[in-house]
Amino acid sequence: MAKQKINLNSVVTDFLDEQKHPFRKEIEQLRNCILSANPALTENIKWNGPNYCFDDEDRITMRIQPPAKQAQLILHRGAKKQTQPKYKLISNKSKMLVWKENDRAIVTFKSMQDIENGKAELTEIVTEWIIATK
């Protein structure tokens, strides 16, 4: 099976190079995991961190500021507040997801081990999120 090309954005890479973030290796691992979950995702910078779009709509933003020893992924439906769905957008029962509203959840990673252990689950969550928010 051919290895899928991951579409890392060089602007994001340059931005992260300038940050000299103490969690850089972990951030790179998360970038690869998110982008490999769906080849249609594009990457840019939003809120001083990597951001992932589907059809030019923001869907997942990585919170890396202030430079702490963690990274958070905010799963959302874009910058504008929308009418809340009656139920959570995805039915994934992952303990990784901390729901803030029915259309917004956060996943926190505090170590490379967290990321390694949660990679398959995160890929599943990203896939479900993109389908639910199309």
N, C-alpha and C. Protein backbone atom coordinates (compact mmCIF):
# COMPACT_ATOMS: atom_id res chain seq x y z
N MET A 1 0.84 -1.18 0.00
CA MET A 1 0.00 0.00 0.00
C MET A 1 0.89 1.25 0.00
N ALA A 2 0.63 2.17 -0.89
CA ALA A 2 1.43 3.39 -0.99
C ALA A 2 1.17 4.29 0.21
N LYS A 3 2.23 4.90 0.70
CA LYS A 3 2.09 5.81 1.83
C LYS A 3 1.46 7.11 1.35
N GLN A 4 0.43 7.53 2.06
CA GLN A 4 -0.30 8.75 1.70
C GLN A 4 0.57 9.98 1.96
N LYS A 5 0.58 10.90 1.02
CA LYS A 5 1.32 12.15 1.19
C LYS A 5 0.52 13.06 2.11
N ILE A 6 1.19 13.54 3.13
CA ILE A 6 0.53 14.44 4.08
C ILE A 6 0.83 15.88 3.65
N ASN A 7 -0.22 16.67 3.60
CA ASN A 7 -0.15 18.02 3.05
C ASN A 7 0.20 19.06 4.12
N LEU A 8 1.43 19.00 4.66
CA LEU A 8 1.87 19.99 5.64
C LEU A 8 2.06 21.34 4.94
N ASN A 9 1.56 22.40 5.55
CA ASN A 9 1.68 23.74 4.99
C ASN A 9 3.01 24.34 5.45
N SER A 10 3.84 24.78 4.50
CA SER A 10 5.16 25.33 4.83
C SER A 10 5.05 26.62 5.65
N VAL A 11 3.97 27.38 5.48
CA VAL A 11 3.77 28.60 6.29
C VAL A 11 3.60 28.22 7.76
N VAL A 12 2.86 27.15 8.01
CA VAL A 12 2.65 26.68 9.38
C VAL A 12 3.98 26.16 9.94
N THR A 13 4.71 25.41 9.14
CA THR A 13 6.02 24.90 9.58
C THR A 13 6.94 26.06 9.94
N ASP A 14 7.00 27.08 9.09
CA ASP A 14 7.85 28.26 9.36
C ASP A 14 7.41 28.97 10.63
N PHE A 15 6.10 29.13 10.80
CA PHE A 15 5.56 29.76 12.01
C PHE A 15 6.01 28.99 13.26
N LEU A 16 5.89 27.66 13.20
CA LEU A 16 6.27 26.83 14.35
C LEU A 16 7.77 26.88 14.59
N ASP A 17 8.57 26.94 13.51
CA ASP A 17 10.02 27.07 13.66
C ASP A 17 10.37 28.32 14.45
N GLU A 18 9.67 29.42 14.18
CA GLU A 18 9.93 30.69 14.87
C GLU A 18 9.52 30.64 16.34
N GLN A 19 8.53 29.81 16.67
CA GLN A 19 8.01 29.74 18.04
C GLN A 19 8.99 29.10 19.03
N LYS A 20 9.83 28.19 18.53
CA LYS A 20 10.73 27.42 19.41
C LYS A 20 9.94 26.85 20.60
N HIS A 21 8.82 26.26 20.27
CA HIS A 21 7.87 25.75 21.28
C HIS A 21 8.44 24.52 21.99
N PRO A 22 8.33 24.45 23.32
CA PRO A 22 8.87 23.29 24.05
C PRO A 22 8.13 21.98 23.71
N PHE A 23 6.98 22.07 23.08
CA PHE A 23 6.15 20.90 22.76
C PHE A 23 6.16 20.63 21.25
N ARG A 24 7.20 21.12 20.56
CA ARG A 24 7.24 21.06 19.10
C ARG A 24 7.11 19.66 18.52
N LYS A 25 7.83 18.68 19.08
CA LYS A 25 7.75 17.31 18.55
C LYS A 25 6.33 16.79 18.64
N GLU A 26 5.67 17.09 19.74
CA GLU A 26 4.29 16.65 19.94
C GLU A 26 3.36 17.36 18.96
N ILE A 27 3.59 18.65 18.74
CA ILE A 27 2.78 19.42 17.79
C ILE A 27 2.90 18.82 16.39
N GLU A 28 4.13 18.47 15.99
CA GLU A 28 4.35 17.85 14.67
C GLU A 28 3.60 16.52 14.56
N GLN A 29 3.62 15.75 15.61
CA GLN A 29 2.93 14.47 15.62
C GLN A 29 1.42 14.68 15.43
N LEU A 30 0.88 15.68 16.11
CA LEU A 30 -0.55 15.98 15.98
C LEU A 30 -0.88 16.48 14.58
N ARG A 31 -0.03 17.34 14.01
CA ARG A 31 -0.25 17.82 12.64
C ARG A 31 -0.36 16.64 11.69
N ASN A 32 0.58 15.72 11.78
CA ASN A 32 0.59 14.55 10.90
C ASN A 32 -0.65 13.69 11.10
N CYS A 33 -1.04 13.49 12.35
CA CYS A 33 -2.21 12.66 12.65
C CYS A 33 -3.48 13.28 12.08
N ILE A 34 -3.66 14.58 12.28
CA ILE A 34 -4.86 15.26 11.79
C ILE A 34 -4.91 15.23 10.27
N LEU A 35 -3.82 15.63 9.63
CA LEU A 35 -3.81 15.70 8.17
C LEU A 35 -3.92 14.33 7.51
N SER A 36 -3.43 13.30 8.18
CA SER A 36 -3.54 11.96 7.59
C SER A 36 -4.95 11.39 7.74
N ALA A 37 -5.76 11.97 8.63
CA ALA A 37 -7.13 11.48 8.84
C ALA A 37 -8.02 11.79 7.64
N ASN A 38 -7.72 12.90 6.94
CA ASN A 38 -8.55 13.27 5.79
C ASN A 38 -7.69 14.08 4.81
N PRO A 39 -7.43 13.53 3.62
CA PRO A 39 -6.57 14.22 2.65
C PRO A 39 -7.14 15.54 2.14
N ALA A 40 -8.43 15.81 2.37
CA ALA A 40 -9.04 17.07 1.93
C ALA A 40 -8.83 18.21 2.93
N LEU A 41 -8.26 17.91 4.10
CA LEU A 41 -8.01 18.97 5.08
C LEU A 41 -6.86 19.85 4.63
N THR A 42 -6.99 21.14 4.86
CA THR A 42 -5.90 22.08 4.60
C THR A 42 -5.50 22.71 5.93
N GLU A 43 -4.26 23.19 5.97
CA GLU A 43 -3.68 23.69 7.21
C GLU A 43 -3.29 25.16 7.03
N ASN A 44 -3.59 25.97 8.05
CA ASN A 44 -3.16 27.36 8.07
C ASN A 44 -2.93 27.77 9.52
N ILE A 45 -2.75 29.08 9.75
CA ILE A 45 -2.56 29.59 11.11
C ILE A 45 -3.81 30.36 11.51
N LYS A 46 -4.30 30.09 12.71
CA LYS A 46 -5.42 30.83 13.28
C LYS A 46 -5.22 30.85 14.79
N TRP A 47 -5.50 31.96 15.41
CA TRP A 47 -5.34 32.09 16.87
C TRP A 47 -3.95 31.66 17.31
N ASN A 48 -2.92 32.00 16.53
CA ASN A 48 -1.53 31.68 16.86
C ASN A 48 -1.25 30.19 17.00
N GLY A 49 -1.90 29.39 16.16
CA GLY A 49 -1.63 27.96 16.16
C GLY A 49 -2.09 27.33 14.86
N PRO A 50 -1.69 26.09 14.63
CA PRO A 50 -2.14 25.38 13.43
C PRO A 50 -3.67 25.24 13.43
N ASN A 51 -4.25 25.41 12.25
CA ASN A 51 -5.70 25.34 12.09
C ASN A 51 -6.00 24.46 10.87
N TYR A 52 -7.09 23.71 10.93
CA TYR A 52 -7.42 22.77 9.87
C TYR A 52 -8.80 23.06 9.32
N CYS A 53 -8.86 23.14 7.98
CA CYS A 53 -10.10 23.50 7.29
C CYS A 53 -10.54 22.38 6.37
N PHE A 54 -11.85 22.29 6.20
CA PHE A 54 -12.43 21.39 5.21
C PHE A 54 -13.32 22.28 4.34
N ASP A 55 -13.11 22.25 3.03
CA ASP A 55 -13.84 23.14 2.10
C ASP A 55 -13.74 24.60 2.54
N ASP A 56 -12.54 25.02 2.94
CA ASP A 56 -12.27 26.40 3.38
C ASP A 56 -13.03 26.82 4.63
N GLU A 57 -13.57 25.87 5.36
CA GLU A 57 -14.26 26.17 6.63
C GLU A 57 -13.42 25.63 7.78
N ASP A 58 -13.15 26.50 8.79
CA ASP A 58 -12.39 26.07 9.96
C ASP A 58 -13.13 24.96 10.69
N ARG A 59 -12.40 23.92 11.06
CA ARG A 59 -13.01 22.78 11.76
C ARG A 59 -12.25 22.36 13.01
N ILE A 60 -10.92 22.46 12.99
CA ILE A 60 -10.10 22.03 14.13
C ILE A 60 -8.98 23.05 14.28
N THR A 61 -8.82 23.59 15.49
CA THR A 61 -7.75 24.55 15.74
C THR A 61 -6.91 24.02 16.90
N MET A 62 -5.58 24.09 16.72
CA MET A 62 -4.67 23.62 17.77
C MET A 62 -4.28 24.81 18.64
N ARG A 63 -4.54 24.70 19.94
CA ARG A 63 -4.17 25.74 20.90
C ARG A 63 -2.80 25.37 21.47
N ILE A 64 -1.81 26.22 21.15
CA ILE A 64 -0.45 25.95 21.63
C ILE A 64 0.10 27.12 22.43
N GLN A 65 -0.72 28.16 22.65
CA GLN A 65 -0.28 29.35 23.38
C GLN A 65 -1.00 29.41 24.72
N PRO A 66 -0.40 29.91 25.79
CA PRO A 66 1.03 30.22 25.85
C PRO A 66 1.83 28.93 25.80
N PRO A 67 3.12 29.01 25.44
CA PRO A 67 3.89 27.76 25.29
C PRO A 67 3.94 26.96 26.60
N ALA A 68 2.97 26.12 26.77
CA ALA A 68 2.92 25.24 27.93
C ALA A 68 3.32 23.84 27.48
N LYS A 69 3.41 22.93 28.39
CA LYS A 69 3.76 21.55 28.05
C LYS A 69 2.51 20.76 27.71
N GLN A 70 1.73 21.29 26.78
CA GLN A 70 0.55 20.58 26.29
C GLN A 70 0.09 21.22 24.99
N ALA A 71 -0.76 20.50 24.28
CA ALA A 71 -1.41 21.04 23.10
C ALA A 71 -2.87 20.62 23.19
N GLN A 72 -3.76 21.53 22.78
CA GLN A 72 -5.18 21.22 22.79
C GLN A 72 -5.71 21.35 21.38
N LEU A 73 -6.62 20.47 21.02
CA LEU A 73 -7.33 20.56 19.75
C LEU A 73 -8.74 21.00 20.05
N ILE A 74 -9.16 22.09 19.42
CA ILE A 74 -10.53 22.57 19.59
C ILE A 74 -11.28 22.17 18.32
N LEU A 75 -12.27 21.32 18.49
CA LEU A 75 -13.11 20.89 17.37
C LEU A 75 -14.32 21.80 17.36
N HIS A 76 -14.55 22.46 16.22
CA HIS A 76 -15.61 23.47 16.16
C HIS A 76 -16.20 23.54 14.75
N ARG A 77 -17.15 24.46 14.57
CA ARG A 77 -17.80 24.64 13.26
C ARG A 77 -17.48 25.98 12.64
N GLY A 78 -16.39 26.59 13.02
CA GLY A 78 -16.00 27.87 12.46
C GLY A 78 -16.07 28.98 13.48
N ALA A 79 -15.68 30.18 13.03
CA ALA A 79 -15.57 31.33 13.93
C ALA A 79 -16.93 31.88 14.36
N LYS A 80 -17.93 31.80 13.49
CA LYS A 80 -19.24 32.37 13.81
C LYS A 80 -20.07 31.42 14.67
N LYS A 81 -20.68 31.99 15.69
CA LYS A 81 -21.57 31.22 16.56
C LYS A 81 -22.77 30.74 15.73
N GLN A 82 -23.09 29.47 15.86
CA GLN A 82 -24.21 28.91 15.11
C GLN A 82 -25.24 28.36 16.09
N THR A 83 -26.44 28.13 15.57
CA THR A 83 -27.49 27.54 16.39
C THR A 83 -26.99 26.19 16.90
N GLN A 84 -27.15 25.97 18.19
CA GLN A 84 -26.68 24.72 18.79
C GLN A 84 -27.52 23.54 18.31
N PRO A 85 -26.86 22.46 17.91
CA PRO A 85 -27.62 21.25 17.61
C PRO A 85 -28.19 20.68 18.91
N LYS A 86 -29.25 19.92 18.79
CA LYS A 86 -29.91 19.35 19.97
C LYS A 86 -28.99 18.35 20.67
N TYR A 87 -28.20 17.64 19.87
CA TYR A 87 -27.30 16.61 20.42
C TYR A 87 -25.87 16.89 20.01
N LYS A 88 -24.93 16.24 20.67
CA LYS A 88 -23.53 16.37 20.30
C LYS A 88 -23.36 16.00 18.83
N LEU A 89 -22.50 16.74 18.12
CA LEU A 89 -22.34 16.54 16.68
C LEU A 89 -21.86 15.15 16.30
N ILE A 90 -21.05 14.56 17.15
CA ILE A 90 -20.64 13.18 16.87
C ILE A 90 -20.98 12.33 18.09
N SER A 91 -21.24 11.08 17.83
CA SER A 91 -21.65 10.20 18.94
C SER A 91 -20.47 9.46 19.56
N ASN A 92 -19.25 9.80 19.12
CA ASN A 92 -18.06 9.15 19.65
C ASN A 92 -18.02 9.31 21.18
N LYS A 93 -17.88 8.20 21.86
CA LYS A 93 -17.91 8.20 23.33
C LYS A 93 -16.52 8.33 23.94
N SER A 94 -15.56 8.76 23.14
CA SER A 94 -14.17 8.86 23.59
C SER A 94 -14.05 9.68 24.87
N LYS A 95 -13.24 9.19 25.78
CA LYS A 95 -12.95 9.93 27.01
C LYS A 95 -11.99 11.08 26.71
N MET A 96 -11.41 11.09 25.49
CA MET A 96 -10.52 12.18 25.09
C MET A 96 -11.30 13.48 24.88
N LEU A 97 -12.56 13.37 24.49
CA LEU A 97 -13.37 14.55 24.16
C LEU A 97 -13.95 15.20 25.42
N VAL A 98 -13.70 16.49 25.57
CA VAL A 98 -14.34 17.27 26.63
C VAL A 98 -15.26 18.25 25.89
N TRP A 99 -16.57 18.03 26.05
CA TRP A 99 -17.55 18.83 25.31
C TRP A 99 -17.79 20.16 26.01
N LYS A 100 -17.71 21.26 25.26
CA LYS A 100 -18.00 22.60 25.77
C LYS A 100 -19.42 23.01 25.39
N GLU A 101 -19.85 22.61 24.21
CA GLU A 101 -21.21 22.77 23.72
C GLU A 101 -21.45 21.59 22.80
N ASN A 102 -22.65 21.43 22.27
CA ASN A 102 -22.92 20.28 21.40
C ASN A 102 -22.17 20.35 20.08
N ASP A 103 -21.63 21.54 19.75
CA ASP A 103 -20.86 21.66 18.51
C ASP A 103 -19.41 22.08 18.75
N ARG A 104 -18.91 21.86 19.98
CA ARG A 104 -17.54 22.24 20.29
C ARG A 104 -16.98 21.34 21.38
N ALA A 105 -15.83 20.74 21.07
CA ALA A 105 -15.18 19.85 22.03
C ALA A 105 -13.68 20.12 22.02
N ILE A 106 -13.02 19.73 23.10
CA ILE A 106 -11.58 19.93 23.24
C ILE A 106 -10.93 18.59 23.57
N VAL A 107 -9.77 18.36 22.95
CA VAL A 107 -8.95 17.20 23.26
C VAL A 107 -7.59 17.74 23.71
N THR A 108 -7.10 17.29 24.87
CA THR A 108 -5.83 17.78 25.42
C THR A 108 -4.80 16.66 25.43
N PHE A 109 -3.60 17.02 24.99
CA PHE A 109 -2.47 16.08 25.02
C PHE A 109 -1.36 16.71 25.85
N LYS A 110 -0.87 15.96 26.85
CA LYS A 110 0.15 16.48 27.75
C LYS A 110 1.52 15.83 27.54
N SER A 111 1.58 14.83 26.64
CA SER A 111 2.86 14.17 26.39
C SER A 111 2.83 13.45 25.05
N MET A 112 4.02 13.08 24.57
CA MET A 112 4.11 12.30 23.34
C MET A 112 3.41 10.96 23.55
N GLN A 113 3.51 10.42 24.77
CA GLN A 113 2.85 9.15 25.09
C GLN A 113 1.34 9.27 24.94
N ASP A 114 0.76 10.38 25.40
CA ASP A 114 -0.68 10.64 25.21
C ASP A 114 -1.04 10.57 23.73
N ILE A 115 -0.21 11.22 22.91
CA ILE A 115 -0.47 11.28 21.47
C ILE A 115 -0.35 9.89 20.85
N GLU A 116 0.73 9.20 21.18
CA GLU A 116 0.94 7.84 20.64
C GLU A 116 -0.22 6.93 21.04
N ASN A 117 -0.62 6.98 22.30
CA ASN A 117 -1.70 6.12 22.78
C ASN A 117 -3.05 6.48 22.16
N GLY A 118 -3.24 7.76 21.81
CA GLY A 118 -4.53 8.19 21.32
C GLY A 118 -4.62 8.38 19.81
N LYS A 119 -3.55 8.05 19.09
CA LYS A 119 -3.50 8.34 17.65
C LYS A 119 -4.64 7.72 16.86
N ALA A 120 -4.92 6.45 17.06
CA ALA A 120 -6.00 5.77 16.32
C ALA A 120 -7.35 6.39 16.68
N GLU A 121 -7.54 6.65 17.96
CA GLU A 121 -8.79 7.25 18.43
C GLU A 121 -8.95 8.67 17.88
N LEU A 122 -7.86 9.44 17.86
CA LEU A 122 -7.92 10.80 17.35
C LEU A 122 -8.25 10.80 15.85
N THR A 123 -7.65 9.90 15.10
CA THR A 123 -7.94 9.80 13.67
C THR A 123 -9.43 9.54 13.45
N GLU A 124 -9.99 8.66 14.25
CA GLU A 124 -11.43 8.34 14.18
C GLU A 124 -12.28 9.58 14.50
N ILE A 125 -11.89 10.30 15.55
CA ILE A 125 -12.62 11.50 15.96
C ILE A 125 -12.57 12.56 14.84
N VAL A 126 -11.38 12.79 14.27
CA VAL A 126 -11.24 13.79 13.20
C VAL A 126 -12.11 13.40 12.01
N THR A 127 -12.07 12.13 11.65
CA THR A 127 -12.88 11.64 10.52
C THR A 127 -14.36 11.89 10.78
N GLU A 128 -14.84 11.51 11.95
CA GLU A 128 -16.25 11.72 12.31
C GLU A 128 -16.61 13.20 12.34
N TRP A 129 -15.70 14.02 12.87
CA TRP A 129 -15.97 15.46 12.99
C TRP A 129 -16.14 16.09 11.61
N ILE A 130 -15.26 15.74 10.68
CA ILE A 130 -15.32 16.32 9.33
C ILE A 130 -16.63 15.89 8.65
N ILE A 131 -17.02 14.65 8.79
CA ILE A 131 -18.27 14.17 8.20
C ILE A 131 -19.46 14.92 8.81
N ALA A 132 -19.45 15.09 10.14
CA ALA A 132 -20.58 15.72 10.84
C ALA A 132 -20.70 17.21 10.54
N THR A 133 -19.58 17.85 10.19
CA THR A 133 -19.60 19.31 10.04
C THR A 133 -19.53 19.75 8.57
N LYS A 134 -19.67 18.81 7.63
CA LYS A 134 -19.61 19.16 6.20
C LYS A 134 -20.69 20.15 5.83
